[in-house]
Each structure stands twice: as C-alpha cells, then as structure tokens.
C-alpha atoms as a PDB file:
ATOM      1  CA  UNK A   1     -37.049 -13.029 -11.500  1.00  0.00           C
ATOM      2  CA  UNK A   2     -39.387 -13.436 -14.428  1.00  0.00           C
ATOM      3  CA  UNK A   3     -38.389 -15.473 -17.416  1.00  0.00           C
ATOM      4  CA  UNK A   4     -39.404 -14.502 -20.966  1.00  0.00           C
ATOM      5  CA  UNK A   5     -40.745 -17.459 -22.834  1.00  0.00           C
ATOM      6  CA  UNK A   6     -39.259 -17.387 -26.381  1.00  0.00           C
ATOM      7  CA  UNK A   7     -40.856 -18.710 -29.459  1.00  0.00           C
ATOM      8  CA  UNK A   8     -37.648 -19.161 -31.552  1.00  0.00           C
ATOM      9  CA  UNK A   9     -33.804 -19.609 -31.346  1.00  0.00           C
ATOM     10  CA  UNK A  10     -33.368 -16.170 -32.766  1.00  0.00           C
ATOM     11  CA  UNK A  11     -35.537 -14.647 -30.032  1.00  0.00           C
ATOM     12  CA  UNK A  12     -33.393 -16.703 -27.424  1.00  0.00           C
ATOM     13  CA  UNK A  13     -30.203 -15.356 -28.978  1.00  0.00           C
ATOM     14  CA  UNK A  14     -31.484 -11.727 -29.079  1.00  0.00           C
ATOM     15  CA  UNK A  15     -32.277 -11.882 -25.467  1.00  0.00           C
ATOM     16  CA  UNK A  16     -28.947 -13.387 -24.631  1.00  0.00           C
ATOM     17  CA  UNK A  17     -27.251 -10.518 -26.696  1.00  0.00           C
ATOM     18  CA  UNK A  18     -29.343  -7.992 -24.863  1.00  0.00           C
ATOM     19  CA  UNK A  19     -28.205  -9.351 -21.503  1.00  0.00           C
ATOM     20  CA  UNK A  20     -24.532  -9.636 -22.661  1.00  0.00           C
ATOM     21  CA  UNK A  21     -24.702  -5.948 -23.607  1.00  0.00           C
ATOM     22  CA  UNK A  22     -25.868  -5.065 -20.167  1.00  0.00           C
ATOM     23  CA  UNK A  23     -23.262  -7.241 -18.476  1.00  0.00           C
ATOM     24  CA  UNK A  24     -20.545  -5.561 -20.548  1.00  0.00           C
ATOM     25  CA  UNK A  25     -21.756  -2.117 -19.833  1.00  0.00           C
ATOM     26  CA  UNK A  26     -21.814  -2.967 -16.131  1.00  0.00           C
ATOM     27  CA  UNK A  27     -18.268  -4.377 -16.196  1.00  0.00           C
ATOM     28  CA  UNK A  28     -17.175  -1.154 -17.918  1.00  0.00           C
ATOM     29  CA  UNK A  29     -18.841   0.947 -15.240  1.00  0.00           C
ATOM     30  CA  UNK A  30     -17.247  -1.170 -12.554  1.00  0.00           C
ATOM     31  CA  UNK A  31     -13.815  -0.533 -14.139  1.00  0.00           C
ATOM     32  CA  UNK A  32     -14.181   3.197 -13.799  1.00  0.00           C
ATOM     33  CA  UNK A  33     -14.750   2.766 -10.095  1.00  0.00           C
ATOM     34  CA  UNK A  34     -11.801   0.318  -9.746  1.00  0.00           C
ATOM     35  CA  UNK A  35      -9.412   2.742 -11.470  1.00  0.00           C
ATOM     36  CA  UNK A  36     -10.564   5.504  -9.125  1.00  0.00           C
ATOM     37  CA  UNK A  37      -9.872   3.247  -6.123  1.00  0.00           C
ATOM     38  CA  UNK A  38      -6.179   3.258  -6.720  1.00  0.00           C
ATOM     39  CA  UNK A  39      -6.039   6.960  -5.692  1.00  0.00           C
ATOM     40  CA  UNK A  40      -7.014   5.932  -2.152  1.00  0.00           C
ATOM     41  CA  UNK A  41      -4.469   3.108  -1.796  1.00  0.00           C
ATOM     42  CA  UNK A  42      -1.237   3.593  -0.047  1.00  0.00           C
ATOM     43  CA  UNK A  43       0.774   0.689  -1.359  1.00  0.00           C
ATOM     44  CA  UNK A  44       0.728  -2.323  -3.664  1.00  0.00           C
ATOM     45  CA  UNK A  45      -0.624  -4.611  -0.837  1.00  0.00           C
ATOM     46  CA  UNK A  46      -3.652  -2.205  -0.602  1.00  0.00           C
ATOM     47  CA  UNK A  47      -4.245  -2.702  -4.308  1.00  0.00           C
ATOM     48  CA  UNK A  48      -4.098  -6.518  -4.048  1.00  0.00           C
ATOM     49  CA  UNK A  49      -6.135  -6.584  -0.765  1.00  0.00           C
ATOM     50  CA  UNK A  50      -6.860 -10.321  -0.556  1.00  0.00           C
ATOM     51  CA  UNK A  51      -9.327  -9.902   2.398  1.00  0.00           C
ATOM     52  CA  UNK A  52     -11.518  -7.547   0.207  1.00  0.00           C
ATOM     53  CA  UNK A  53     -11.461 -10.080  -2.589  1.00  0.00           C
ATOM     54  CA  UNK A  54     -12.749 -12.796  -0.328  1.00  0.00           C
ATOM     55  CA  UNK A  55     -15.460 -10.524   0.990  1.00  0.00           C
ATOM     56  CA  UNK A  56     -16.589  -9.908  -2.675  1.00  0.00           C
ATOM     57  CA  UNK A  57     -16.551 -13.550  -3.478  1.00  0.00           C
ATOM     58  CA  UNK A  58     -18.590 -14.444  -0.328  1.00  0.00           C
ATOM     59  CA  UNK A  59     -21.125 -11.782  -1.185  1.00  0.00           C
ATOM     60  CA  UNK A  60     -21.473 -12.880  -4.899  1.00  0.00           C
ATOM     61  CA  UNK A  61     -21.791 -16.478  -4.008  1.00  0.00           C
ATOM     62  CA  UNK A  62     -24.735 -15.577  -1.646  1.00  0.00           C
ATOM     63  CA  UNK A  63     -26.363 -13.384  -4.372  1.00  0.00           C
ATOM     64  CA  UNK A  64     -25.833 -16.222  -6.934  1.00  0.00           C
ATOM     65  CA  UNK A  65     -27.694 -18.618  -4.648  1.00  0.00           C
ATOM     66  CA  UNK A  66     -30.524 -16.119  -3.970  1.00  0.00           C
ATOM     67  CA  UNK A  67     -30.952 -15.415  -7.820  1.00  0.00           C
ATOM     68  CA  UNK A  68     -30.687 -19.181  -8.687  1.00  0.00           C
ATOM     69  CA  UNK A  69     -27.346 -18.946 -10.408  1.00  0.00           C
ATOM     70  CA  UNK A  70     -24.534 -21.532 -10.000  1.00  0.00           C
ATOM     71  CA  UNK A  71     -22.367 -20.087  -7.119  1.00  0.00           C
ATOM     72  CA  UNK A  72     -19.203 -21.939  -8.283  1.00  0.00           C
ATOM     73  CA  UNK A  73     -19.532 -20.580 -11.838  1.00  0.00           C
ATOM     74  CA  UNK A  74     -20.257 -17.024 -10.408  1.00  0.00           C
ATOM     75  CA  UNK A  75     -17.269 -17.324  -8.118  1.00  0.00           C
ATOM     76  CA  UNK A  76     -15.023 -18.349 -11.061  1.00  0.00           C
ATOM     77  CA  UNK A  77     -16.188 -15.497 -13.290  1.00  0.00           C
ATOM     78  CA  UNK A  78     -15.763 -13.053 -10.399  1.00  0.00           C
ATOM     79  CA  UNK A  79     -12.267 -14.291  -9.492  1.00  0.00           C
ATOM     80  CA  UNK A  80     -11.237 -13.895 -13.088  1.00  0.00           C
ATOM     81  CA  UNK A  81     -12.841 -10.503 -13.427  1.00  0.00           C
ATOM     82  CA  UNK A  82     -11.218  -9.239 -10.084  1.00  0.00           C
ATOM     83  CA  UNK A  83      -7.831 -10.532 -11.173  1.00  0.00           C
ATOM     84  CA  UNK A  84      -8.044  -8.481 -14.365  1.00  0.00           C
ATOM     85  CA  UNK A  85      -9.280  -5.390 -12.441  1.00  0.00           C
ATOM     86  CA  UNK A  86      -6.403  -5.846  -9.915  1.00  0.00           C
ATOM     87  CA  UNK A  87      -3.910  -5.724 -12.877  1.00  0.00           C
ATOM     88  CA  UNK A  88      -5.615  -2.705 -14.248  1.00  0.00           C
ATOM     89  CA  UNK A  89      -5.684  -1.005 -10.870  1.00  0.00           C
ATOM     90  CA  UNK A  90      -2.075  -1.888 -10.135  1.00  0.00           C
ATOM     91  CA  UNK A  91      -1.009  -0.350 -13.440  1.00  0.00           C
ATOM     92  CA  UNK A  92      -2.858   2.730 -12.577  1.00  0.00           C
ATOM     93  CA  UNK A  93      -1.300   2.851  -9.075  1.00  0.00           C
ATOM     94  CA  UNK A  94       2.156   2.374 -10.336  1.00  0.00           C
ATOM     95  CA  UNK A  95       1.638   4.978 -12.998  1.00  0.00           C
ATOM     96  CA  UNK A  96       0.205   7.558 -10.557  1.00  0.00           C
ATOM     97  CA  UNK A  97       2.629   6.771  -7.735  1.00  0.00           C
ATOM     98  CA  UNK A  98       6.117   6.863  -8.842  1.00  0.00           C
ATOM     99  CA  UNK A  99       7.282   4.141  -6.637  1.00  0.00           C
ATOM    100  CA  UNK A 100      10.931   4.517  -7.716  1.00  0.00           C
ATOM    101  CA  UNK A 101      11.100   7.901  -6.143  1.00  0.00           C
ATOM    102  CA  UNK A 102      13.409   7.789  -3.191  1.00  0.00           C
ATOM    103  CA  UNK A 103      11.172  10.326  -1.298  1.00  0.00           C
ATOM    104  CA  UNK A 104       8.672   7.571  -0.714  1.00  0.00           C
ATOM    105  CA  UNK A 105      11.202   5.600   1.353  1.00  0.00           C
ATOM    106  CA  UNK A 106      12.356   8.790   3.138  1.00  0.00           C
ATOM    107  CA  UNK A 107       8.783   9.854   3.995  1.00  0.00           C
ATOM    108  CA  UNK A 108       8.107   6.364   5.408  1.00  0.00           C
ATOM    109  CA  UNK A 109      11.395   6.130   7.427  1.00  0.00           C
ATOM    110  CA  UNK A 110       9.360   5.837  10.571  1.00  0.00           C
ATOM    111  CA  UNK A 111       7.970   2.466   9.412  1.00  0.00           C
ATOM    112  CA  UNK A 112      11.220   1.012   8.725  1.00  0.00           C
ATOM    113  CA  UNK A 113      11.823  -1.949  11.028  1.00  0.00           C
ATOM    114  CA  UNK A 114      13.199  -5.506  11.096  1.00  0.00           C
ATOM    115  CA  UNK A 115      12.699  -8.798  12.942  1.00  0.00           C
ATOM    116  CA  UNK A 116      14.937  -9.792  15.858  1.00  0.00           C
ATOM    117  CA  UNK A 117      16.659 -12.390  13.487  1.00  0.00           C
ATOM    118  CA  UNK A 118      17.071  -9.582  10.935  1.00  0.00           C
ATOM    119  CA  UNK A 119      18.607  -7.296  13.494  1.00  0.00           C
ATOM    120  CA  UNK A 120      21.083 -10.018  14.543  1.00  0.00           C
ATOM    121  CA  UNK A 121      22.074 -10.644  10.914  1.00  0.00           C
ATOM    122  CA  UNK A 122      22.559  -7.029  10.136  1.00  0.00           C
ATOM    123  CA  UNK A 123      24.776  -6.583  13.303  1.00  0.00           C
ATOM    124  CA  UNK A 124      26.822  -9.693  12.252  1.00  0.00           C
ATOM    125  CA  UNK A 125      27.097  -8.562   8.573  1.00  0.00           C
ATOM    126  CA  UNK A 126      28.084  -4.977   9.376  1.00  0.00           C
ATOM    127  CA  UNK A 127      30.088  -5.976  12.592  1.00  0.00           C
ATOM    128  CA  UNK A 128      27.905  -3.610  14.727  1.00  0.00           C
ATOM    129  CA  UNK A 129      28.537  -4.080  18.499  1.00  0.00           C
ATOM    130  CA  UNK A 130      26.145  -2.350  20.882  1.00  0.00           C
ATOM    131  CA  UNK A 131      24.403  -0.408  18.202  1.00  0.00           C
ATOM    132  CA  UNK A 132      20.765  -0.755  17.243  1.00  0.00           C
ATOM    133  CA  UNK A 133      20.697  -2.152  13.752  1.00  0.00           C
ATOM    134  CA  UNK A 134      17.336  -0.456  12.712  1.00  0.00           C
ATOM    135  CA  UNK A 135      18.570   2.949  13.972  1.00  0.00           C
ATOM    136  CA  UNK A 136      21.800   2.518  12.240  1.00  0.00           C
ATOM    137  CA  UNK A 137      20.167   1.604   8.871  1.00  0.00           C
ATOM    138  CA  UNK A 138      17.626   4.512   9.339  1.00  0.00           C
ATOM    139  CA  UNK A 139      20.494   6.979   9.865  1.00  0.00           C
ATOM    140  CA  UNK A 140      22.397   5.696   6.790  1.00  0.00           C
ATOM    141  CA  UNK A 141      19.134   5.982   4.669  1.00  0.00           C
ATOM    142  CA  UNK A 142      18.353   9.494   5.879  1.00  0.00           C
ATOM    143  CA  UNK A 143      22.054  10.755   5.759  1.00  0.00           C
ATOM    144  CA  UNK A 144      21.962  11.612   2.144  1.00  0.00           C
ATOM    145  CA  UNK A 145      25.076   9.487   1.621  1.00  0.00           C
ATOM    146  CA  UNK A 146      22.918   6.557   0.411  1.00  0.00           C
ATOM    147  CA  UNK A 147      22.028   6.204  -3.273  1.00  0.00           C
ATOM    148  CA  UNK A 148      18.453   5.002  -3.006  1.00  0.00           C
ATOM    149  CA  UNK A 149      16.957   2.875  -5.924  1.00  0.00           C
ATOM    150  CA  UNK A 150      14.028   0.547  -6.278  1.00  0.00           C
ATOM    151  CA  UNK A 151      13.977  -2.697  -8.139  1.00  0.00           C
ATOM    152  CA  UNK A 152      10.726  -4.664  -7.883  1.00  0.00           C
ATOM    153  CA  UNK A 153       9.615  -5.121  -4.318  1.00  0.00           C
ATOM    154  CA  UNK A 154      12.743  -3.812  -2.656  1.00  0.00           C
ATOM    155  CA  UNK A 155      14.438  -0.574  -2.001  1.00  0.00           C
ATOM    156  CA  UNK A 156      18.311  -0.695  -2.245  1.00  0.00           C
ATOM    157  CA  UNK A 157      20.259   2.014  -0.256  1.00  0.00           C
ATOM    158  CA  UNK A 158      23.952   1.993  -1.183  1.00  0.00           C
ATOM    159  CA  UNK A 159      26.896   3.850   0.226  1.00  0.00           C
ATOM    160  CA  UNK A 160      30.448   3.353  -0.725  1.00  0.00           C
ATOM    161  CA  UNK A 161      30.773   0.492   1.769  1.00  0.00           C
ATOM    162  CA  UNK A 162      27.306  -1.011   2.427  1.00  0.00           C
ATOM    163  CA  UNK A 163      23.952  -2.008   0.876  1.00  0.00           C
ATOM    164  CA  UNK A 164      20.806  -2.001   2.764  1.00  0.00           C
ATOM    165  CA  UNK A 165      17.757  -3.814   1.391  1.00  0.00           C
ATOM    166  CA  UNK A 166      14.304  -2.757   2.511  1.00  0.00           C
ATOM    167  CA  UNK A 167      11.092  -4.428   1.481  1.00  0.00           C
ATOM    168  CA  UNK A 168       8.960  -1.705  -0.392  1.00  0.00           C
ATOM    169  CA  UNK A 169       5.665  -3.002   0.881  1.00  0.00           C
ATOM    170  CA  UNK A 170       6.256  -3.693   4.529  1.00  0.00           C
ATOM    171  CA  UNK A 171       9.306  -1.396   5.115  1.00  0.00           C
ATOM    172  CA  UNK A 172      11.163  -4.288   6.620  1.00  0.00           C
ATOM    173  CA  UNK A 173      14.915  -4.266   6.482  1.00  0.00           C
ATOM    174  CA  UNK A 174      15.668  -7.546   4.811  1.00  0.00           C
ATOM    175  CA  UNK A 175      19.449  -7.298   4.990  1.00  0.00           C
ATOM    176  CA  UNK A 176      22.476  -4.985   5.184  1.00  0.00           C
ATOM    177  CA  UNK A 177      25.918  -6.028   4.294  1.00  0.00           C
ATOM    178  CA  UNK A 178      29.255  -4.681   3.293  1.00  0.00           C
ATOM    179  CA  UNK A 179      30.065  -4.465  -0.406  1.00  0.00           C
END
C-alpha cells in the first residue's frame, strides 16, 4: 500500500476526509446486503449467528495484520459495526416475518420437542400417566382449541384448563401446566 506524503495539515485532513467518505460509502453498501440477508434467515438465531460473527472477526483480524492495521482496533470496530447491523437485520426480519402469527408454530409443529426432564415435569404438572408429553402437547396445539400467542421468545398455547409454553427459537416445550 503506497502512502501519500502530505505537505500540510490541510492536505492530511483532506485525505482523511476522502478515506472517511469511502469507508462510509462501503458501510452503506454493506448495509444493503445485510438487510437482504434477513430474507434467507429462518429464525432469530439465524439473524444473530454467532459462529458467522466469529468467522468474520477472524478474517478481518488477518486482513488487518496483512495491511499493517492494528488487529485489536479493527476487531473492536467490526464488532460494533456487526452489532449495529444485527440490530438492523433483526428489525427487518421481525418486520417481514410476523412472528406473532400462530401459523408459524403450527407449520413447525414437527420441530416441537422437549428434554427428558421437561417431559417428566409436563407429565407431573398435567398428571399424565402413560402418555407421551410431547405428543399430548402437539395434539393440544394442533387441535384448534388452543389460543396461541407469542410474547418475546415464547409461544403460549392456552386452553380453558392448561397453558403450554414453547420456546420460539428452538421449539422446545419449556413447560405445560394447569391453570
């Protein structure tokens, strides 16, 4: 990379302003692609995608070293920029995917599951003997007798007598209990 030798502070500042203009233009261009990415994501975890963030950080640190920039500073800048883009992409994702629509849970009923401990807790709470807790909950959710709503990270499926709570990202039944 060649360096321009400046003969005055004004010339230094003019070059810095020119570079800043280019950086901002590239950040804006990057943003157009980030907002498009949300169309291809299936859920909020896909938007956050920590493994992708770490791959980008690894790549930009290596490039910083190759170009003679401070890798720690570049990492800090990129982490801040990526966090801002994730917020932007999440807003776009939530706007274009009405995550409060019960059809989302119903379409993903095949993914609904729980842990062995969760199944035991559900069976105790609902006094289910010899009945598969997950199958029972799936049947209730699909039956049409459940009022399905979403609040934050959870789906709530309420009937006259029970409430089933399902994590909206993992489709894990967190709990089911009598009202």
